[in-house]
Amino acid sequence: MLDVRRRTARHLSFGHGPHICLGARLARRQLRTALEELVAVCPGLSLDADPAALRRRPPEAIVRGPTALPVSR
């Protein structure tokens, strides 16, 4: 049943079991490939900030994580 008054879910996932997203495996593979290529091109890449000082998106945001990720080579 659809309840438009429900509280917003604080997570984003591909689901699991019979309800898993059909594109989940492709999305994970694309991310893995992109990160492997990034590391191959920039092997000395490192975080250039204190992790505790990074500004983060609000918990209710669809895409979570830091708003910026400063790195250095």
PDB file of N, CA and C in Angstrom:
ATOM      1  N   MET A   1       0.845  -1.179   0.000  1.00  0.00           N
ATOM      2  CA  MET A   1       0.000   0.000   0.000  1.00  0.00           C
ATOM      3  C   MET A   1       0.892   1.244   0.000  1.00  0.00           C
ATOM      4  N   LEU A   2       0.577   2.190  -0.841  1.00  0.00           N
ATOM      5  CA  LEU A   2       1.339   3.429  -0.924  1.00  0.00           C
ATOM      6  C   LEU A   2       0.835   4.408   0.123  1.00  0.00           C
ATOM      7  N   ASP A   3       1.718   4.861   0.983  1.00  0.00           N
ATOM      8  CA  ASP A   3       1.365   5.847   1.996  1.00  0.00           C
ATOM      9  C   ASP A   3       2.208   7.090   1.736  1.00  0.00           C
ATOM     10  N   VAL A   4       1.622   8.128   1.130  1.00  0.00           N
ATOM     11  CA  VAL A   4       2.368   9.338   0.780  1.00  0.00           C
ATOM     12  C   VAL A   4       2.748  10.160   2.002  1.00  0.00           C
ATOM     13  N   ARG A   5       2.193   9.841   3.165  1.00  0.00           N
ATOM     14  CA  ARG A   5       2.518  10.568   4.394  1.00  0.00           C
ATOM     15  C   ARG A   5       3.647   9.917   5.182  1.00  0.00           C
ATOM     16  N   ARG A   6       4.162   8.798   4.699  1.00  0.00           N
ATOM     17  CA  ARG A   6       5.207   8.099   5.450  1.00  0.00           C
ATOM     18  C   ARG A   6       6.470   8.950   5.545  1.00  0.00           C
ATOM     19  N   ARG A   7       7.267   8.648   6.549  1.00  0.00           N
ATOM     20  CA  ARG A   7       8.535   9.354   6.716  1.00  0.00           C
ATOM     21  C   ARG A   7       9.495   8.896   5.632  1.00  0.00           C
ATOM     22  N   THR A   8      10.368   9.798   5.216  1.00  0.00           N
ATOM     23  CA  THR A   8      11.336   9.481   4.182  1.00  0.00           C
ATOM     24  C   THR A   8      12.318   8.426   4.678  1.00  0.00           C
ATOM     25  N   ALA A   9      12.598   7.430   3.850  1.00  0.00           N
ATOM     26  CA  ALA A   9      13.603   6.422   4.196  1.00  0.00           C
ATOM     27  C   ALA A   9      14.969   7.088   4.208  1.00  0.00           C
ATOM     28  N   ARG A  10      15.827   6.703   5.119  1.00  0.00           N
ATOM     29  CA  ARG A  10      17.140   7.323   5.238  1.00  0.00           C
ATOM     30  C   ARG A  10      18.213   6.497   4.554  1.00  0.00           C
ATOM     31  N   HIS A  11      17.837   5.659   3.628  1.00  0.00           N
ATOM     32  CA  HIS A  11      18.819   4.820   2.965  1.00  0.00           C
ATOM     33  C   HIS A  11      18.478   4.709   1.482  1.00  0.00           C
ATOM     34  N   LEU A  12      19.437   4.289   0.715  1.00  0.00           N
ATOM     35  CA  LEU A  12      19.245   4.015  -0.693  1.00  0.00           C
ATOM     36  C   LEU A  12      19.953   2.705  -0.959  1.00  0.00           C
ATOM     37  N   SER A  13      19.233   1.744  -1.475  1.00  0.00           N
ATOM     38  CA  SER A  13      19.857   0.453  -1.721  1.00  0.00           C
ATOM     39  C   SER A  13      19.281  -0.167  -2.979  1.00  0.00           C
ATOM     40  N   PHE A  14      19.879  -1.250  -3.391  1.00  0.00           N
ATOM     41  CA  PHE A  14      19.406  -1.987  -4.553  1.00  0.00           C
ATOM     42  C   PHE A  14      18.381  -3.050  -4.157  1.00  0.00           C
ATOM     43  N   GLY A  15      17.993  -3.112  -2.904  1.00  0.00           N
ATOM     44  CA  GLY A  15      17.074  -4.136  -2.442  1.00  0.00           C
ATOM     45  C   GLY A  15      17.806  -5.462  -2.281  1.00  0.00           C
ATOM     46  N   HIS A  16      17.055  -6.522  -2.067  1.00  0.00           N
ATOM     47  CA  HIS A  16      17.672  -7.847  -1.974  1.00  0.00           C
ATOM     48  C   HIS A  16      16.623  -8.911  -2.269  1.00  0.00           C
ATOM     49  N   GLY A  17      17.091 -10.124  -2.443  1.00  0.00           N
ATOM     50  CA  GLY A  17      16.179 -11.232  -2.722  1.00  0.00           C
ATOM     51  C   GLY A  17      15.436 -11.030  -4.031  1.00  0.00           C
ATOM     52  N   PRO A  18      14.172 -11.378  -4.072  1.00  0.00           N
ATOM     53  CA  PRO A  18      13.425 -11.270  -5.318  1.00  0.00           C
ATOM     54  C   PRO A  18      13.156  -9.823  -5.734  1.00  0.00           C
ATOM     55  N   HIS A  19      13.405  -8.875  -4.844  1.00  0.00           N
ATOM     56  CA  HIS A  19      13.132  -7.472  -5.134  1.00  0.00           C
ATOM     57  C   HIS A  19      14.385  -6.679  -5.504  1.00  0.00           C
ATOM     58  N   ILE A  20      15.492  -7.358  -5.777  1.00  0.00           N
ATOM     59  CA  ILE A  20      16.729  -6.647  -6.102  1.00  0.00           C
ATOM     60  C   ILE A  20      16.599  -5.940  -7.451  1.00  0.00           C
ATOM     61  N   CYS A  21      17.202  -4.791  -7.566  1.00  0.00           N
ATOM     62  CA  CYS A  21      17.187  -4.010  -8.793  1.00  0.00           C
ATOM     63  C   CYS A  21      17.887  -4.800  -9.906  1.00  0.00           C
ATOM     64  N   LEU A  22      17.290  -4.815 -11.085  1.00  0.00           N
ATOM     65  CA  LEU A  22      17.878  -5.555 -12.200  1.00  0.00           C
ATOM     66  C   LEU A  22      19.226  -4.980 -12.628  1.00  0.00           C
ATOM     67  N   GLY A  23      19.441  -3.697 -12.386  1.00  0.00           N
ATOM     68  CA  GLY A  23      20.695  -3.064 -12.794  1.00  0.00           C
ATOM     69  C   GLY A  23      21.751  -3.028 -11.703  1.00  0.00           C
ATOM     70  N   ALA A  24      21.505  -3.648 -10.552  1.00  0.00           N
ATOM     71  CA  ALA A  24      22.430  -3.571  -9.419  1.00  0.00           C
ATOM     72  C   ALA A  24      23.807  -4.124  -9.762  1.00  0.00           C
ATOM     73  N   ARG A  25      23.865  -5.272 -10.395  1.00  0.00           N
ATOM     74  CA  ARG A  25      25.167  -5.874 -10.729  1.00  0.00           C
ATOM     75  C   ARG A  25      25.936  -5.000 -11.702  1.00  0.00           C
ATOM     76  N   LEU A  26      25.237  -4.434 -12.688  1.00  0.00           N
ATOM     77  CA  LEU A  26      25.891  -3.561 -13.657  1.00  0.00           C
ATOM     78  C   LEU A  26      26.415  -2.297 -12.972  1.00  0.00           C
ATOM     79  N   ALA A  27      25.618  -1.690 -12.102  1.00  0.00           N
ATOM     80  CA  ALA A  27      26.038  -0.474 -11.399  1.00  0.00           C
ATOM     81  C   ALA A  27      27.264  -0.735 -10.541  1.00  0.00           C
ATOM     82  N   ARG A  28      27.285  -1.860  -9.827  1.00  0.00           N
ATOM     83  CA  ARG A  28      28.449  -2.194  -8.995  1.00  0.00           C
ATOM     84  C   ARG A  28      29.689  -2.432  -9.859  1.00  0.00           C
ATOM     85  N   ARG A  29      29.512  -3.105 -10.991  1.00  0.00           N
ATOM     86  CA  ARG A  29      30.643  -3.374 -11.887  1.00  0.00           C
ATOM     87  C   ARG A  29      31.180  -2.078 -12.487  1.00  0.00           C
ATOM     88  N   GLN A  30      30.288  -1.170 -12.860  1.00  0.00           N
ATOM     89  CA  GLN A  30      30.713   0.115 -13.407  1.00  0.00           C
ATOM     90  C   GLN A  30      31.514   0.911 -12.377  1.00  0.00           C
ATOM     91  N   LEU A  31      31.054   0.923 -11.149  1.00  0.00           N
ATOM     92  CA  LEU A  31      31.767   1.640 -10.093  1.00  0.00           C
ATOM     93  C   LEU A  31      33.133   1.016  -9.848  1.00  0.00           C
ATOM     94  N   ARG A  32      33.193  -0.312  -9.789  1.00  0.00           N
ATOM     95  CA  ARG A  32      34.467  -1.001  -9.578  1.00  0.00           C
ATOM     96  C   ARG A  32      35.446  -0.668 -10.707  1.00  0.00           C
ATOM     97  N   THR A  33      34.982  -0.714 -11.949  1.00  0.00           N
ATOM     98  CA  THR A  33      35.831  -0.422 -13.104  1.00  0.00           C
ATOM     99  C   THR A  33      36.328   1.026 -13.055  1.00  0.00           C
ATOM    100  N   ALA A  34      35.437   1.964 -12.741  1.00  0.00           N
ATOM    101  CA  ALA A  34      35.826   3.373 -12.665  1.00  0.00           C
ATOM    102  C   ALA A  34      36.884   3.594 -11.593  1.00  0.00           C
ATOM    103  N   LEU A  35      36.715   2.987 -10.423  1.00  0.00           N
ATOM    104  CA  LEU A  35      37.693   3.152  -9.348  1.00  0.00           C
ATOM    105  C   LEU A  35      39.026   2.487  -9.692  1.00  0.00           C
ATOM    106  N   GLU A  36      38.987   1.319 -10.344  1.00  0.00           N
ATOM    107  CA  GLU A  36      40.229   0.664 -10.756  1.00  0.00           C
ATOM    108  C   GLU A  36      40.983   1.520 -11.770  1.00  0.00           C
ATOM    109  N   GLU A  37      40.276   2.122 -12.711  1.00  0.00           N
ATOM    110  CA  GLU A  37      40.909   2.993 -13.702  1.00  0.00           C
ATOM    111  C   GLU A  37      41.491   4.246 -13.048  1.00  0.00           C
ATOM    112  N   LEU A  38      40.764   4.808 -12.103  1.00  0.00           N
ATOM    113  CA  LEU A  38      41.254   5.993 -11.397  1.00  0.00           C
ATOM    114  C   LEU A  38      42.547   5.688 -10.653  1.00  0.00           C
ATOM    115  N   VAL A  39      42.596   4.565  -9.974  1.00  0.00           N
ATOM    116  CA  VAL A  39      43.808   4.171  -9.240  1.00  0.00           C
ATOM    117  C   VAL A  39      44.953   3.884 -10.211  1.00  0.00           C
ATOM    118  N   ALA A  40      44.651   3.305 -11.369  1.00  0.00           N
ATOM    119  CA  ALA A  40      45.697   3.013 -12.356  1.00  0.00           C
ATOM    120  C   ALA A  40      46.289   4.301 -12.931  1.00  0.00           C
ATOM    121  N   VAL A  41      45.457   5.299 -13.160  1.00  0.00           N
ATOM    122  CA  VAL A  41      45.918   6.558 -13.741  1.00  0.00           C
ATOM    123  C   VAL A  41      46.592   7.441 -12.689  1.00  0.00           C
ATOM    124  N   CYS A  42      46.106   7.391 -11.470  1.00  0.00           N
ATOM    125  CA  CYS A  42      46.625   8.231 -10.376  1.00  0.00           C
ATOM    126  C   CYS A  42      46.970   7.342  -9.180  1.00  0.00           C
ATOM    127  N   PRO A  43      48.064   6.577  -9.248  1.00  0.00           N
ATOM    128  CA  PRO A  43      48.363   5.624  -8.170  1.00  0.00           C
ATOM    129  C   PRO A  43      48.665   6.270  -6.819  1.00  0.00           C
ATOM    130  N   GLY A  44      49.109   7.508  -6.803  1.00  0.00           N
ATOM    131  CA  GLY A  44      49.450   8.159  -5.540  1.00  0.00           C
ATOM    132  C   GLY A  44      48.330   8.995  -4.962  1.00  0.00           C
ATOM    133  N   LEU A  45      47.117   8.825  -5.446  1.00  0.00           N
ATOM    134  CA  LEU A  45      45.978   9.618  -5.001  1.00  0.00           C
ATOM    135  C   LEU A  45      45.728   9.414  -3.510  1.00  0.00           C
ATOM    136  N   SER A  46      45.570  10.530  -2.793  1.00  0.00           N
ATOM    137  CA  SER A  46      45.287  10.423  -1.360  1.00  0.00           C
ATOM    138  C   SER A  46      44.387  11.568  -0.916  1.00  0.00           C
ATOM    139  N   LEU A  47      43.690  11.351   0.164  1.00  0.00           N
ATOM    140  CA  LEU A  47      42.796  12.355   0.717  1.00  0.00           C
ATOM    141  C   LEU A  47      43.617  13.532   1.218  1.00  0.00           C
ATOM    142  N   ASP A  48      43.198  14.744   0.853  1.00  0.00           N
ATOM    143  CA  ASP A  48      43.950  15.948   1.206  1.00  0.00           C
ATOM    144  C   ASP A  48      43.171  16.802   2.216  1.00  0.00           C
ATOM    145  N   ALA A  49      42.530  16.130   3.163  1.00  0.00           N
ATOM    146  CA  ALA A  49      41.759  16.836   4.193  1.00  0.00           C
ATOM    147  C   ALA A  49      41.559  15.893   5.370  1.00  0.00           C
ATOM    148  N   ASP A  50      41.235  16.482   6.491  1.00  0.00           N
ATOM    149  CA  ASP A  50      40.905  15.682   7.665  1.00  0.00           C
ATOM    150  C   ASP A  50      39.518  15.079   7.436  1.00  0.00           C
ATOM    151  N   PRO A  51      39.370  13.754   7.447  1.00  0.00           N
ATOM    152  CA  PRO A  51      38.059  13.143   7.196  1.00  0.00           C
ATOM    153  C   PRO A  51      36.951  13.680   8.104  1.00  0.00           C
ATOM    154  N   ALA A  52      37.284  14.010   9.333  1.00  0.00           N
ATOM    155  CA  ALA A  52      36.277  14.524  10.268  1.00  0.00           C
ATOM    156  C   ALA A  52      35.817  15.932   9.885  1.00  0.00           C
ATOM    157  N   ALA A  53      36.619  16.657   9.108  1.00  0.00           N
ATOM    158  CA  ALA A  53      36.286  18.032   8.737  1.00  0.00           C
ATOM    159  C   ALA A  53      35.484  18.122   7.443  1.00  0.00           C
ATOM    160  N   LEU A  54      35.288  17.017   6.748  1.00  0.00           N
ATOM    161  CA  LEU A  54      34.547  17.049   5.487  1.00  0.00           C
ATOM    162  C   LEU A  54      33.079  17.359   5.731  1.00  0.00           C
ATOM    163  N   ARG A  55      32.532  18.278   4.912  1.00  0.00           N
ATOM    164  CA  ARG A  55      31.099  18.567   4.993  1.00  0.00           C
ATOM    165  C   ARG A  55      30.341  17.438   4.324  1.00  0.00           C
ATOM    166  N   ARG A  56      29.262  17.001   4.967  1.00  0.00           N
ATOM    167  CA  ARG A  56      28.484  15.880   4.437  1.00  0.00           C
ATOM    168  C   ARG A  56      27.082  16.338   4.060  1.00  0.00           C
ATOM    169  N   ARG A  57      26.490  15.624   3.130  1.00  0.00           N
ATOM    170  CA  ARG A  57      25.115  15.915   2.739  1.00  0.00           C
ATOM    171  C   ARG A  57      24.189  15.526   3.891  1.00  0.00           C
ATOM    172  N   PRO A  58      22.999  16.125   3.929  1.00  0.00           N
ATOM    173  CA  PRO A  58      22.070  15.785   5.011  1.00  0.00           C
ATOM    174  C   PRO A  58      21.637  14.323   4.918  1.00  0.00           C
ATOM    175  N   PRO A  59      21.300  13.700   6.032  1.00  0.00           N
ATOM    176  CA  PRO A  59      20.938  12.280   6.042  1.00  0.00           C
ATOM    177  C   PRO A  59      19.753  11.940   5.137  1.00  0.00           C
ATOM    178  N   GLU A  60      18.862  12.904   4.896  1.00  0.00           N
ATOM    179  CA  GLU A  60      17.696  12.610   4.068  1.00  0.00           C
ATOM    180  C   GLU A  60      17.975  12.734   2.570  1.00  0.00           C
ATOM    181  N   ALA A  61      19.192  13.126   2.205  1.00  0.00           N
ATOM    182  CA  ALA A  61      19.553  13.242   0.791  1.00  0.00           C
ATOM    183  C   ALA A  61      19.567  11.871   0.128  1.00  0.00           C
ATOM    184  N   ILE A  62      19.187  11.826  -1.139  1.00  0.00           N
ATOM    185  CA  ILE A  62      19.172  10.549  -1.866  1.00  0.00           C
ATOM    186  C   ILE A  62      20.596  10.040  -2.047  1.00  0.00           C
ATOM    187  N   VAL A  63      21.498  10.932  -2.445  1.00  0.00           N
ATOM    188  CA  VAL A  63      22.906  10.565  -2.574  1.00  0.00           C
ATOM    189  C   VAL A  63      23.608  11.088  -1.328  1.00  0.00           C
ATOM    190  N   ARG A  64      24.152  10.182  -0.535  1.00  0.00           N
ATOM    191  CA  ARG A  64      24.795  10.589   0.708  1.00  0.00           C
ATOM    192  C   ARG A  64      26.301  10.683   0.527  1.00  0.00           C
ATOM    193  N   GLY A  65      26.971  11.195   1.533  1.00  0.00           N
ATOM    194  CA  GLY A  65      28.420  11.288   1.501  1.00  0.00           C
ATOM    195  C   GLY A  65      28.880  12.726   1.542  1.00  0.00           C
ATOM    196  N   PRO A  66      30.186  12.935   1.353  1.00  0.00           N
ATOM    197  CA  PRO A  66      30.727  14.297   1.423  1.00  0.00           C
ATOM    198  C   PRO A  66      30.282  15.140   0.228  1.00  0.00           C
ATOM    199  N   THR A  67      30.197  16.458   0.441  1.00  0.00           N
ATOM    200  CA  THR A  67      29.837  17.367  -0.651  1.00  0.00           C
ATOM    201  C   THR A  67      31.026  17.607  -1.568  1.00  0.00           C
ATOM    202  N   ALA A  68      32.221  17.448  -1.056  1.00  0.00           N
ATOM    203  CA  ALA A  68      33.451  17.570  -1.844  1.00  0.00           C
ATOM    204  C   ALA A  68      34.486  16.625  -1.255  1.00  0.00           C
ATOM    205  N   LEU A  69      35.398  16.170  -2.094  1.00  0.00           N
ATOM    206  CA  LEU A  69      36.424  15.236  -1.638  1.00  0.00           C
ATOM    207  C   LEU A  69      37.774  15.701  -2.173  1.00  0.00           C
ATOM    208  N   PRO A  70      38.457  16.586  -1.440  1.00  0.00           N
ATOM    209  CA  PRO A  70      39.747  17.082  -1.903  1.00  0.00           C
ATOM    210  C   PRO A  70      40.814  15.986  -1.861  1.00  0.00           C
ATOM    211  N   VAL A  71      41.518  15.834  -2.968  1.00  0.00           N
ATOM    212  CA  VAL A  71      42.573  14.820  -3.063  1.00  0.00           C
ATOM    213  C   VAL A  71      43.846  15.462  -3.586  1.00  0.00           C
ATOM    214  N   SER A  72      44.959  14.772  -3.372  1.00  0.00           N
ATOM    215  CA  SER A  72      46.244  15.209  -3.915  1.00  0.00           C
ATOM    216  C   SER A  72      46.943  14.005  -4.501  1.00  0.00           C
ATOM    217  N   ARG A  73      47.860  14.258  -5.402  1.00  0.00           N
ATOM    218  CA  ARG A  73      48.597  13.178  -6.061  1.00  0.00           C
ATOM    219  C   ARG A  73      49.866  12.952  -5.362  1.00  0.00           C
TER     220      ARG A  73
END
